[in-house]
Amino acid sequence: MDELVNIIVLWLTVTFGLPESPQHPRIQHLSPTQMAAIRYGPGRTDHSEQVVALYHDDTRTIVLRPDWNAGSAADVSALVHELVHHLQNFESKTYACPEEREALAYDAQRRWLAFFGEDLESAFGIDPMTLLVRTTCAY
């Protein structure tokens, strides 16, 4: 996993100008139910299938599903998305809202998927309107 993370981090720093990280994030595998509880709060497991990966800013931990597969372009793109958030912790940029911070992560994920002939819609069901909502401040 370290080698894959090294390659992705190098690609992200060169392609998007993100700062290098002095250390890799911790990577943890949790069930979809556990991930939904973290993302939406305890007892909110009704969206468990929608949570593919998470990043904890405070602990600098990426959380992936137990069935995450390094041979899957979609699964690796989820890691790419969360690594963007990890590297964003080391830049001095301020974001107007959490959604604005997601824009670069989704762009990197989209570009990674394109290397393999996939896109966000085919891999995750994220259509252009959904992407707009997820990456635009509501105010």
N, C-alpha and C. Protein backbone atom coordinates (compact mmCIF):
# COMPACT_ATOMS: atom_id res chain seq x y z
N MET A 1 0.83 -1.20 0.00
CA MET A 1 0.00 0.00 0.00
C MET A 1 0.87 1.26 0.00
N ASP A 2 2.02 1.22 0.70
CA ASP A 2 2.89 2.39 0.74
C ASP A 2 3.35 2.82 -0.65
N GLU A 3 3.68 1.84 -1.50
CA GLU A 3 4.14 2.17 -2.84
C GLU A 3 3.04 2.84 -3.65
N LEU A 4 1.83 2.34 -3.53
CA LEU A 4 0.69 2.94 -4.23
C LEU A 4 0.45 4.36 -3.74
N VAL A 5 0.48 4.55 -2.44
CA VAL A 5 0.28 5.89 -1.87
C VAL A 5 1.38 6.83 -2.36
N ASN A 6 2.63 6.36 -2.40
CA ASN A 6 3.74 7.19 -2.90
C ASN A 6 3.48 7.64 -4.33
N ILE A 7 3.04 6.73 -5.19
CA ILE A 7 2.78 7.05 -6.59
C ILE A 7 1.65 8.07 -6.71
N ILE A 8 0.58 7.85 -5.97
CA ILE A 8 -0.57 8.77 -6.04
C ILE A 8 -0.19 10.14 -5.52
N VAL A 9 0.52 10.20 -4.39
CA VAL A 9 0.93 11.49 -3.82
C VAL A 9 1.82 12.24 -4.81
N LEU A 10 2.75 11.55 -5.43
CA LEU A 10 3.61 12.19 -6.43
C LEU A 10 2.77 12.75 -7.58
N TRP A 11 1.83 11.95 -8.08
CA TRP A 11 0.95 12.40 -9.16
C TRP A 11 0.14 13.62 -8.74
N LEU A 12 -0.40 13.61 -7.52
CA LEU A 12 -1.20 14.73 -7.04
C LEU A 12 -0.37 16.00 -6.88
N THR A 13 0.85 15.87 -6.38
CA THR A 13 1.68 17.07 -6.20
C THR A 13 2.11 17.65 -7.54
N VAL A 14 2.44 16.80 -8.49
CA VAL A 14 2.86 17.27 -9.82
C VAL A 14 1.67 17.82 -10.61
N THR A 15 0.56 17.11 -10.59
CA THR A 15 -0.60 17.48 -11.41
C THR A 15 -1.37 18.67 -10.86
N PHE A 16 -1.54 18.72 -9.54
CA PHE A 16 -2.40 19.75 -8.95
C PHE A 16 -1.66 20.77 -8.09
N GLY A 17 -0.35 20.61 -7.95
CA GLY A 17 0.42 21.55 -7.15
C GLY A 17 0.16 21.46 -5.66
N LEU A 18 -0.36 20.33 -5.22
CA LEU A 18 -0.58 20.15 -3.79
C LEU A 18 0.77 19.97 -3.08
N PRO A 19 0.85 20.38 -1.82
CA PRO A 19 2.11 20.21 -1.10
C PRO A 19 2.38 18.75 -0.79
N GLU A 20 3.65 18.42 -0.66
CA GLU A 20 4.00 17.06 -0.24
C GLU A 20 3.67 16.91 1.24
N SER A 21 3.35 15.73 1.63
CA SER A 21 3.03 15.43 3.02
C SER A 21 4.29 14.94 3.73
N PRO A 22 4.55 15.45 4.93
CA PRO A 22 5.70 14.94 5.67
C PRO A 22 5.52 13.48 6.11
N GLN A 23 4.29 13.02 6.11
CA GLN A 23 4.02 11.62 6.45
C GLN A 23 2.75 11.16 5.76
N HIS A 24 2.69 9.87 5.50
CA HIS A 24 1.49 9.30 4.90
C HIS A 24 0.37 9.24 5.94
N PRO A 25 -0.87 9.27 5.46
CA PRO A 25 -1.98 9.10 6.40
C PRO A 25 -2.02 7.66 6.91
N ARG A 26 -2.64 7.49 8.03
CA ARG A 26 -2.94 6.14 8.52
C ARG A 26 -4.08 5.62 7.65
N ILE A 27 -4.07 4.35 7.32
CA ILE A 27 -5.16 3.76 6.53
C ILE A 27 -5.81 2.66 7.34
N GLN A 28 -7.12 2.75 7.44
CA GLN A 28 -7.91 1.83 8.26
C GLN A 28 -9.05 1.28 7.40
N HIS A 29 -9.45 0.06 7.67
CA HIS A 29 -10.58 -0.55 6.97
C HIS A 29 -11.72 -0.77 7.97
N LEU A 30 -12.91 -0.25 7.63
CA LEU A 30 -14.09 -0.41 8.47
C LEU A 30 -15.27 -0.83 7.60
N SER A 31 -16.26 -1.43 8.23
CA SER A 31 -17.46 -1.86 7.51
C SER A 31 -18.25 -0.64 7.03
N PRO A 32 -19.08 -0.82 6.00
CA PRO A 32 -19.92 0.28 5.52
C PRO A 32 -20.81 0.87 6.63
N THR A 33 -21.30 0.03 7.52
CA THR A 33 -22.13 0.51 8.63
C THR A 33 -21.33 1.40 9.56
N GLN A 34 -20.10 0.99 9.89
CA GLN A 34 -19.24 1.81 10.75
C GLN A 34 -18.89 3.12 10.06
N MET A 35 -18.63 3.05 8.77
CA MET A 35 -18.30 4.26 8.02
C MET A 35 -19.48 5.23 7.98
N ALA A 36 -20.68 4.72 7.80
CA ALA A 36 -21.87 5.57 7.78
C ALA A 36 -22.08 6.22 9.14
N ALA A 37 -21.82 5.49 10.21
CA ALA A 37 -21.96 6.06 11.55
C ALA A 37 -20.98 7.21 11.76
N ILE A 38 -19.78 7.07 11.23
CA ILE A 38 -18.79 8.14 11.33
C ILE A 38 -19.22 9.33 10.49
N ARG A 39 -19.66 9.07 9.29
CA ARG A 39 -20.01 10.14 8.34
C ARG A 39 -21.30 10.87 8.72
N TYR A 40 -22.32 10.12 9.12
CA TYR A 40 -23.63 10.71 9.35
C TYR A 40 -24.05 10.76 10.81
N GLY A 41 -23.30 10.09 11.69
CA GLY A 41 -23.63 10.07 13.10
C GLY A 41 -24.12 8.70 13.53
N PRO A 42 -23.98 8.40 14.82
CA PRO A 42 -24.40 7.09 15.34
C PRO A 42 -25.87 6.80 15.03
N GLY A 43 -26.13 5.57 14.66
CA GLY A 43 -27.50 5.15 14.36
C GLY A 43 -27.97 5.50 12.96
N ARG A 44 -27.18 6.25 12.22
CA ARG A 44 -27.56 6.65 10.86
C ARG A 44 -26.88 5.74 9.85
N THR A 45 -27.31 4.52 9.79
CA THR A 45 -26.67 3.56 8.88
C THR A 45 -27.48 3.34 7.60
N ASP A 46 -28.54 4.13 7.41
CA ASP A 46 -29.38 3.96 6.23
C ASP A 46 -28.66 4.34 4.94
N HIS A 47 -27.55 5.06 5.05
CA HIS A 47 -26.79 5.46 3.87
C HIS A 47 -25.47 4.70 3.77
N SER A 48 -25.38 3.56 4.42
CA SER A 48 -24.09 2.86 4.52
C SER A 48 -23.51 2.47 3.17
N GLU A 49 -24.33 2.15 2.19
CA GLU A 49 -23.80 1.75 0.88
C GLU A 49 -23.26 2.93 0.09
N GLN A 50 -23.61 4.15 0.49
CA GLN A 50 -23.15 5.34 -0.23
C GLN A 50 -21.75 5.77 0.20
N VAL A 51 -21.31 5.35 1.37
CA VAL A 51 -20.01 5.77 1.89
C VAL A 51 -18.94 4.81 1.38
N VAL A 52 -18.08 5.31 0.52
CA VAL A 52 -17.05 4.49 -0.11
C VAL A 52 -15.72 4.64 0.62
N ALA A 53 -15.43 5.85 1.09
CA ALA A 53 -14.19 6.13 1.80
C ALA A 53 -14.38 7.41 2.61
N LEU A 54 -13.54 7.60 3.61
CA LEU A 54 -13.60 8.78 4.47
C LEU A 54 -12.19 9.25 4.78
N TYR A 55 -12.07 10.53 5.14
CA TYR A 55 -10.81 11.05 5.65
C TYR A 55 -11.09 11.78 6.95
N HIS A 56 -10.34 11.44 8.00
CA HIS A 56 -10.43 12.13 9.29
C HIS A 56 -9.32 13.16 9.34
N ASP A 57 -9.67 14.44 9.32
CA ASP A 57 -8.65 15.48 9.39
C ASP A 57 -7.87 15.43 10.69
N ASP A 58 -8.57 15.26 11.80
CA ASP A 58 -7.91 15.30 13.11
C ASP A 58 -6.88 14.20 13.30
N THR A 59 -7.22 13.00 12.86
CA THR A 59 -6.30 11.86 13.06
C THR A 59 -5.48 11.56 11.82
N ARG A 60 -5.76 12.29 10.73
CA ARG A 60 -5.08 12.07 9.45
C ARG A 60 -5.15 10.60 9.04
N THR A 61 -6.39 10.11 9.07
CA THR A 61 -6.65 8.70 8.76
C THR A 61 -7.61 8.60 7.59
N ILE A 62 -7.27 7.75 6.64
CA ILE A 62 -8.17 7.40 5.54
C ILE A 62 -8.85 6.10 5.91
N VAL A 63 -10.17 6.08 5.78
CA VAL A 63 -10.94 4.88 6.09
C VAL A 63 -11.50 4.32 4.78
N LEU A 64 -11.20 3.06 4.54
CA LEU A 64 -11.67 2.36 3.35
C LEU A 64 -12.51 1.16 3.77
N ARG A 65 -13.31 0.67 2.86
CA ARG A 65 -14.10 -0.54 3.13
C ARG A 65 -13.19 -1.77 3.22
N PRO A 66 -13.64 -2.81 3.91
CA PRO A 66 -12.83 -4.03 4.01
C PRO A 66 -12.59 -4.70 2.66
N ASP A 67 -13.52 -4.52 1.72
CA ASP A 67 -13.37 -5.15 0.41
C ASP A 67 -12.65 -4.25 -0.61
N TRP A 68 -12.02 -3.18 -0.12
CA TRP A 68 -11.27 -2.29 -1.01
C TRP A 68 -10.22 -3.09 -1.76
N ASN A 69 -10.08 -2.82 -3.07
CA ASN A 69 -9.21 -3.62 -3.93
C ASN A 69 -8.29 -2.72 -4.74
N ALA A 70 -6.99 -2.87 -4.56
CA ALA A 70 -6.01 -2.05 -5.29
C ALA A 70 -6.03 -2.33 -6.79
N GLY A 71 -6.66 -3.40 -7.22
CA GLY A 71 -6.78 -3.72 -8.64
C GLY A 71 -7.99 -3.09 -9.30
N SER A 72 -8.79 -2.39 -8.54
CA SER A 72 -9.99 -1.73 -9.05
C SER A 72 -9.73 -0.24 -9.24
N ALA A 73 -9.92 0.26 -10.46
CA ALA A 73 -9.72 1.69 -10.72
C ALA A 73 -10.65 2.53 -9.85
N ALA A 74 -11.88 2.08 -9.67
CA ALA A 74 -12.83 2.82 -8.85
C ALA A 74 -12.37 2.88 -7.39
N ASP A 75 -11.94 1.75 -6.85
CA ASP A 75 -11.49 1.72 -5.46
C ASP A 75 -10.26 2.60 -5.27
N VAL A 76 -9.31 2.51 -6.20
CA VAL A 76 -8.10 3.34 -6.08
C VAL A 76 -8.47 4.82 -6.22
N SER A 77 -9.45 5.13 -7.05
CA SER A 77 -9.86 6.53 -7.20
C SER A 77 -10.44 7.08 -5.89
N ALA A 78 -11.07 6.23 -5.10
CA ALA A 78 -11.56 6.66 -3.78
C ALA A 78 -10.37 7.01 -2.88
N LEU A 79 -9.30 6.22 -2.97
CA LEU A 79 -8.08 6.53 -2.23
C LEU A 79 -7.48 7.84 -2.72
N VAL A 80 -7.47 8.06 -4.03
CA VAL A 80 -6.99 9.32 -4.61
C VAL A 80 -7.76 10.49 -4.00
N HIS A 81 -9.08 10.38 -3.98
CA HIS A 81 -9.95 11.43 -3.44
C HIS A 81 -9.56 11.77 -2.00
N GLU A 82 -9.39 10.74 -1.18
CA GLU A 82 -9.08 10.97 0.23
C GLU A 82 -7.64 11.46 0.42
N LEU A 83 -6.73 11.05 -0.44
CA LEU A 83 -5.35 11.56 -0.36
C LEU A 83 -5.30 13.05 -0.70
N VAL A 84 -6.18 13.51 -1.57
CA VAL A 84 -6.27 14.96 -1.82
C VAL A 84 -6.58 15.67 -0.52
N HIS A 85 -7.54 15.18 0.24
CA HIS A 85 -7.88 15.82 1.51
C HIS A 85 -6.70 15.78 2.48
N HIS A 86 -5.98 14.68 2.49
CA HIS A 86 -4.80 14.59 3.35
C HIS A 86 -3.78 15.68 2.97
N LEU A 87 -3.51 15.83 1.69
CA LEU A 87 -2.54 16.84 1.25
C LEU A 87 -3.06 18.26 1.44
N GLN A 88 -4.38 18.44 1.35
CA GLN A 88 -4.95 19.77 1.60
C GLN A 88 -4.67 20.23 3.02
N ASN A 89 -4.49 19.31 3.94
CA ASN A 89 -4.17 19.69 5.32
C ASN A 89 -2.82 20.39 5.43
N PHE A 90 -1.96 20.22 4.44
CA PHE A 90 -0.62 20.79 4.50
C PHE A 90 -0.47 22.05 3.65
N GLU A 91 -1.57 22.53 3.07
CA GLU A 91 -1.51 23.79 2.33
C GLU A 91 -2.14 24.88 3.18
N SER A 92 -1.82 26.11 2.85
CA SER A 92 -2.31 27.23 3.66
C SER A 92 -3.61 27.82 3.14
N LYS A 93 -4.22 27.17 2.18
CA LYS A 93 -5.45 27.66 1.57
C LYS A 93 -6.64 27.50 2.51
N THR A 94 -7.52 28.49 2.51
CA THR A 94 -8.76 28.44 3.27
C THR A 94 -9.91 28.24 2.29
N TYR A 95 -10.84 27.37 2.66
CA TYR A 95 -11.99 27.08 1.81
C TYR A 95 -13.23 27.74 2.39
N ALA A 96 -14.09 28.25 1.53
CA ALA A 96 -15.30 28.94 1.96
C ALA A 96 -16.30 28.00 2.64
N CYS A 97 -16.26 26.72 2.26
CA CYS A 97 -17.18 25.73 2.81
C CYS A 97 -16.60 24.35 2.54
N PRO A 98 -17.10 23.32 3.22
CA PRO A 98 -16.60 21.96 2.98
C PRO A 98 -16.78 21.51 1.53
N GLU A 99 -17.86 21.95 0.89
CA GLU A 99 -18.11 21.54 -0.49
C GLU A 99 -17.03 22.07 -1.44
N GLU A 100 -16.55 23.27 -1.18
CA GLU A 100 -15.50 23.84 -2.03
C GLU A 100 -14.22 22.99 -1.94
N ARG A 101 -13.95 22.47 -0.77
CA ARG A 101 -12.78 21.61 -0.57
C ARG A 101 -12.91 20.30 -1.35
N GLU A 102 -14.14 19.87 -1.58
CA GLU A 102 -14.39 18.63 -2.32
C GLU A 102 -14.11 18.76 -3.82
N ALA A 103 -14.15 19.97 -4.36
CA ALA A 103 -14.02 20.15 -5.81
C ALA A 103 -12.72 19.56 -6.34
N LEU A 104 -11.59 19.86 -5.71
CA LEU A 104 -10.31 19.33 -6.19
C LEU A 104 -10.24 17.82 -6.01
N ALA A 105 -10.79 17.32 -4.92
CA ALA A 105 -10.77 15.86 -4.68
C ALA A 105 -11.56 15.13 -5.77
N TYR A 106 -12.71 15.66 -6.13
CA TYR A 106 -13.49 15.03 -7.20
C TYR A 106 -12.81 15.18 -8.56
N ASP A 107 -12.16 16.32 -8.79
CA ASP A 107 -11.45 16.49 -10.06
C ASP A 107 -10.31 15.48 -10.18
N ALA A 108 -9.55 15.30 -9.12
CA ALA A 108 -8.46 14.31 -9.14
C ALA A 108 -9.02 12.90 -9.34
N GLN A 109 -10.10 12.60 -8.65
CA GLN A 109 -10.73 11.28 -8.78
C GLN A 109 -11.22 11.07 -10.21
N ARG A 110 -11.83 12.09 -10.80
CA ARG A 110 -12.31 12.02 -12.18
C ARG A 110 -11.16 11.76 -13.15
N ARG A 111 -10.07 12.48 -12.96
CA ARG A 111 -8.92 12.30 -13.85
C ARG A 111 -8.29 10.92 -13.70
N TRP A 112 -8.23 10.43 -12.47
CA TRP A 112 -7.67 9.09 -12.24
C TRP A 112 -8.52 8.04 -12.96
N LEU A 113 -9.83 8.14 -12.79
CA LEU A 113 -10.73 7.19 -13.45
C LEU A 113 -10.59 7.24 -14.97
N ALA A 114 -10.36 8.43 -15.51
CA ALA A 114 -10.22 8.58 -16.97
C ALA A 114 -9.03 7.80 -17.51
N PHE A 115 -7.99 7.63 -16.70
CA PHE A 115 -6.84 6.82 -17.13
C PHE A 115 -7.28 5.40 -17.48
N PHE A 116 -8.36 4.95 -16.87
CA PHE A 116 -8.83 3.58 -17.03
C PHE A 116 -10.14 3.50 -17.81
N GLY A 117 -10.49 4.59 -18.49
CA GLY A 117 -11.69 4.61 -19.31
C GLY A 117 -12.98 4.64 -18.51
N GLU A 118 -12.91 5.09 -17.28
CA GLU A 118 -14.10 5.17 -16.42
C GLU A 118 -14.36 6.63 -16.06
N ASP A 119 -15.51 6.87 -15.44
CA ASP A 119 -15.82 8.21 -14.95
C ASP A 119 -16.61 8.09 -13.65
N LEU A 120 -16.88 9.23 -13.04
CA LEU A 120 -17.58 9.23 -11.75
C LEU A 120 -18.98 8.65 -11.85
N GLU A 121 -19.63 8.87 -12.97
CA GLU A 121 -20.99 8.35 -13.12
C GLU A 121 -21.00 6.84 -13.28
N SER A 122 -20.12 6.31 -14.11
CA SER A 122 -20.11 4.85 -14.31
C SER A 122 -19.59 4.12 -13.08
N ALA A 123 -18.65 4.72 -12.37
CA ALA A 123 -18.04 4.04 -11.21
C ALA A 123 -18.85 4.21 -9.93
N PHE A 124 -19.48 5.40 -9.76
CA PHE A 124 -20.14 5.69 -8.49
C PHE A 124 -21.56 6.23 -8.62
N GLY A 125 -22.04 6.39 -9.83
CA GLY A 125 -23.38 6.95 -10.02
C GLY A 125 -23.45 8.44 -9.73
N ILE A 126 -22.32 9.14 -9.82
CA ILE A 126 -22.30 10.58 -9.56
C ILE A 126 -22.43 11.31 -10.90
N ASP A 127 -23.63 11.84 -11.15
CA ASP A 127 -23.88 12.56 -12.39
C ASP A 127 -23.43 14.02 -12.24
N PRO A 128 -23.39 14.78 -13.34
CA PRO A 128 -22.91 16.17 -13.26
C PRO A 128 -23.67 17.04 -12.27
N MET A 129 -24.98 16.88 -12.15
CA MET A 129 -25.75 17.69 -11.20
C MET A 129 -25.37 17.35 -9.76
N THR A 130 -25.25 16.06 -9.47
CA THR A 130 -24.84 15.64 -8.13
C THR A 130 -23.46 16.19 -7.80
N LEU A 131 -22.56 16.13 -8.76
CA LEU A 131 -21.21 16.65 -8.56
C LEU A 131 -21.25 18.15 -8.28
N LEU A 132 -22.07 18.88 -9.01
CA LEU A 132 -22.21 20.32 -8.78
C LEU A 132 -22.68 20.61 -7.36
N VAL A 133 -23.67 19.87 -6.89
CA VAL A 133 -24.18 20.06 -5.54
C VAL A 133 -23.11 19.73 -4.50
N ARG A 134 -22.35 18.68 -4.73
CA ARG A 134 -21.33 18.25 -3.76
C ARG A 134 -20.11 19.15 -3.72
N THR A 135 -19.95 20.02 -4.73
CA THR A 135 -18.73 20.84 -4.81
C THR A 135 -19.00 22.34 -4.80
N THR A 136 -20.24 22.74 -4.53
CA THR A 136 -20.60 24.16 -4.54
C THR A 136 -21.15 24.57 -3.18
N CYS A 137 -20.65 25.70 -2.67
CA CYS A 137 -21.16 26.22 -1.40
C CYS A 137 -22.63 26.58 -1.56
N ALA A 138 -23.41 26.30 -0.54
CA ALA A 138 -24.85 26.54 -0.59
C ALA A 138 -25.22 27.99 -0.27
N TYR A 139 -24.26 28.79 0.11
CA TYR A 139 -24.55 30.19 0.44
C TYR A 139 -23.78 31.13 -0.43
